Protein backbone atom coordinates (compact mmCIF):
# COMPACT_ATOMS: atom_id res chain seq x y z
CA UNK A 1 -3.15 4.06 36.53
CA UNK A 2 -3.67 0.56 37.74
CA UNK A 3 -1.05 -2.04 36.99
CA UNK A 4 -1.61 -5.71 36.34
CA UNK A 5 1.74 -6.83 37.69
CA UNK A 6 3.08 -7.86 34.29
CA UNK A 7 5.82 -6.06 32.44
CA UNK A 8 4.63 -3.82 29.62
CA UNK A 9 4.73 -5.46 26.20
CA UNK A 10 7.63 -4.10 24.18
CA UNK A 11 7.17 -3.72 20.44
CA UNK A 12 9.98 -4.87 18.20
CA UNK A 13 11.92 -2.04 16.51
CA UNK A 14 10.58 -0.85 13.18
CA UNK A 15 12.73 -0.23 10.12
CA UNK A 16 12.07 1.25 6.70
CA UNK A 17 10.81 -1.51 4.42
CA UNK A 18 13.23 -2.90 1.83
CA UNK A 19 12.58 -2.79 -1.88
CA UNK A 20 12.04 -6.55 -2.02
CA UNK A 21 9.45 -6.36 0.77
CA UNK A 22 7.69 -3.53 -1.07
CA UNK A 23 7.66 -5.52 -4.30
CA UNK A 24 6.15 -8.50 -2.45
CA UNK A 25 3.32 -6.35 -1.11
CA UNK A 26 2.79 -4.81 -4.57
CA UNK A 27 2.44 -8.32 -6.04
CA UNK A 28 -0.16 -9.30 -3.42
CA UNK A 29 -2.07 -6.04 -3.83
CA UNK A 30 -1.92 -6.27 -7.63
CA UNK A 31 -3.76 -9.58 -7.48
CA UNK A 32 -6.47 -8.08 -5.28
CA UNK A 33 -6.83 -5.01 -7.54
CA UNK A 34 -6.94 -7.28 -10.62
CA UNK A 35 -9.84 -9.20 -9.06
CA UNK A 36 -11.71 -5.93 -8.37
CA UNK A 37 -11.05 -4.79 -11.93
CA UNK A 38 -12.38 -8.06 -13.30
CA UNK A 39 -15.57 -7.61 -11.27
CA UNK A 40 -15.94 -4.04 -12.60
CA UNK A 41 -15.38 -5.34 -16.12
CA UNK A 42 -18.13 -7.89 -15.66
CA UNK A 43 -20.49 -5.06 -14.67
CA UNK A 44 -19.53 -3.14 -17.83
CA UNK A 45 -20.04 -6.24 -19.97
CA UNK A 46 -23.42 -6.88 -18.28
CA UNK A 47 -24.60 -3.32 -18.91
CA UNK A 48 -23.63 -3.77 -22.57
CA UNK A 49 -25.70 -6.94 -22.91
CA UNK A 50 -22.70 -9.23 -23.05
CA UNK A 51 -20.71 -7.19 -25.55
CA UNK A 52 -17.02 -6.62 -24.86
CA UNK A 53 -15.76 -3.26 -23.63
CA UNK A 54 -13.66 -1.31 -26.13
CA UNK A 55 -10.13 -0.67 -24.87
CA UNK A 56 -10.47 3.04 -25.69
CA UNK A 57 -13.63 3.49 -23.61
CA UNK A 58 -12.85 6.51 -21.46
CA UNK A 59 -15.39 5.78 -18.72
CA UNK A 60 -14.09 2.22 -18.39
CA UNK A 61 -10.51 3.45 -18.05
CA UNK A 62 -11.54 6.01 -15.43
CA UNK A 63 -13.39 3.32 -13.42
CA UNK A 64 -10.35 1.01 -13.49
CA UNK A 65 -8.07 3.84 -12.38
CA UNK A 66 -10.48 4.81 -9.58
CA UNK A 67 -10.50 1.22 -8.34
CA UNK A 68 -6.73 1.28 -7.90
CA UNK A 69 -6.73 4.79 -6.42
CA UNK A 70 -9.50 4.09 -3.90
CA UNK A 71 -8.03 0.71 -2.94
CA UNK A 72 -4.78 2.33 -1.84
CA UNK A 73 -6.04 5.69 -0.54
CA UNK A 74 -8.81 4.13 1.58
CA UNK A 75 -6.64 1.31 3.01
CA UNK A 76 -3.74 3.66 3.74
CA UNK A 77 -5.91 6.27 5.47
CA UNK A 78 -8.10 3.78 7.31
CA UNK A 79 -5.57 1.26 8.63
CA UNK A 80 -2.20 2.51 7.40
CA UNK A 81 -1.68 -0.61 5.29
CA UNK A 82 -3.17 -2.67 2.50
CA UNK A 83 -3.72 -6.41 2.72
CA UNK A 84 -0.46 -6.98 0.84
CA UNK A 85 1.41 -4.68 3.25
CA UNK A 86 -0.13 -6.49 6.19
CA UNK A 87 1.06 -9.84 4.81
CA UNK A 88 4.59 -8.48 4.49
CA UNK A 89 4.42 -6.89 7.96
CA UNK A 90 4.55 -3.28 6.81
CA UNK A 91 2.85 -0.13 8.02
CA UNK A 92 2.55 3.25 6.33
CA UNK A 93 3.11 6.22 8.59
CA UNK A 94 3.79 9.94 8.50
CA UNK A 95 6.98 11.48 9.84
CA UNK A 96 5.14 11.73 13.25
CA UNK A 97 4.50 7.98 13.24
CA UNK A 98 0.76 8.37 12.59
CA UNK A 99 -1.51 6.91 9.90
CA UNK A 100 -1.76 9.26 6.95
CA UNK A 101 -5.07 11.04 6.39
CA UNK A 102 -6.99 10.60 3.12
CA UNK A 103 -5.38 13.71 1.53
CA UNK A 104 -1.85 12.50 2.31
CA UNK A 105 -2.71 8.96 1.16
CA UNK A 106 -4.04 10.45 -2.09
CA UNK A 107 -0.83 12.47 -2.55
CA UNK A 108 1.18 9.30 -1.98
CA UNK A 109 -0.85 7.40 -4.60
CA UNK A 110 -0.32 10.02 -7.30
CA UNK A 111 3.34 10.40 -6.34
CA UNK A 112 3.71 6.60 -6.66
CA UNK A 113 2.28 6.81 -10.17
CA UNK A 114 4.98 9.40 -10.96
CA UNK A 115 7.54 7.02 -9.40
CA UNK A 116 6.49 4.26 -11.78
CA UNK A 117 6.55 6.32 -15.00
CA UNK A 118 10.32 6.44 -15.63
CA UNK A 119 10.75 2.61 -15.56
CA UNK A 120 10.04 2.50 -11.84
CA UNK A 121 13.02 4.75 -11.06
CA UNK A 122 11.13 6.32 -8.14
CA UNK A 123 10.98 2.90 -6.48
CA UNK A 124 14.57 1.95 -7.36
CA UNK A 125 15.69 5.26 -5.86
CA UNK A 126 15.21 3.68 -2.44
CA UNK A 127 18.42 1.69 -3.01
CA UNK A 128 20.49 4.91 -3.08
CA UNK A 129 18.50 7.13 -0.75
CA UNK A 130 20.29 7.74 2.55
CA UNK A 131 17.05 6.98 4.49
CA UNK A 132 15.92 4.17 2.22
CA UNK A 133 12.93 6.16 0.94
CA UNK A 134 11.35 6.09 -2.52
CA UNK A 135 10.27 9.23 -4.38
CA UNK A 136 6.64 8.88 -3.29
CA UNK A 137 7.74 8.51 0.33
CA UNK A 138 9.60 11.82 0.09
CA UNK A 139 6.91 13.63 -1.92
CA UNK A 140 4.09 12.61 0.43
CA UNK A 141 5.95 12.87 3.73
CA UNK A 142 5.30 9.24 4.53
CA UNK A 143 7.44 6.16 5.01
CA UNK A 144 6.78 2.46 4.77
CA UNK A 145 7.94 0.70 7.89
CA UNK A 146 8.66 -2.98 8.43
CA UNK A 147 7.77 -4.38 11.82
CA UNK A 148 9.49 -7.70 12.49
CA UNK A 149 7.68 -10.42 14.34
CA UNK A 150 8.00 -10.01 18.09
CA UNK A 151 10.46 -12.71 19.20
CA UNK A 152 8.51 -13.21 22.41
CA UNK A 153 5.54 -14.61 20.46
CA UNK A 154 5.37 -18.34 19.98
CA UNK A 155 6.08 -19.76 16.55
CA UNK A 156 2.42 -20.77 16.08
CA UNK A 157 1.10 -17.28 16.53
CA UNK A 158 1.06 -14.74 13.72
């Protein structure tokens, strides 16, 4: 292979993401998902001629759940991170260091729902786990990695 004469760029070491970093990304992503759910609600209201949507409407609930599911599963399988995760410099990967496929991303989403049910215990578990993993990390065979800013970059670049 041809060389350009410059030293190869070294990536900063990656570490498992902390709970606070995860919560920051969840907050960012929650705002994006809320915006998508509001848009879907507007469509439902429009179809009903301006009438409000009943809270018990099964189709409406399914659509809102699908918005959240597809948001995460598609982002995770396509780029390995959501916009919130990107802002907090995190990447989702399998044990091999690869992006998860759609099936594994789906498994992670449903495992994260299970992690939330008992007062978020599956997320808090990360504080005691020897590898710093949450329940849904373990159940899906994925991990959320933090990649610190490369110190060789200038302060104005990010």
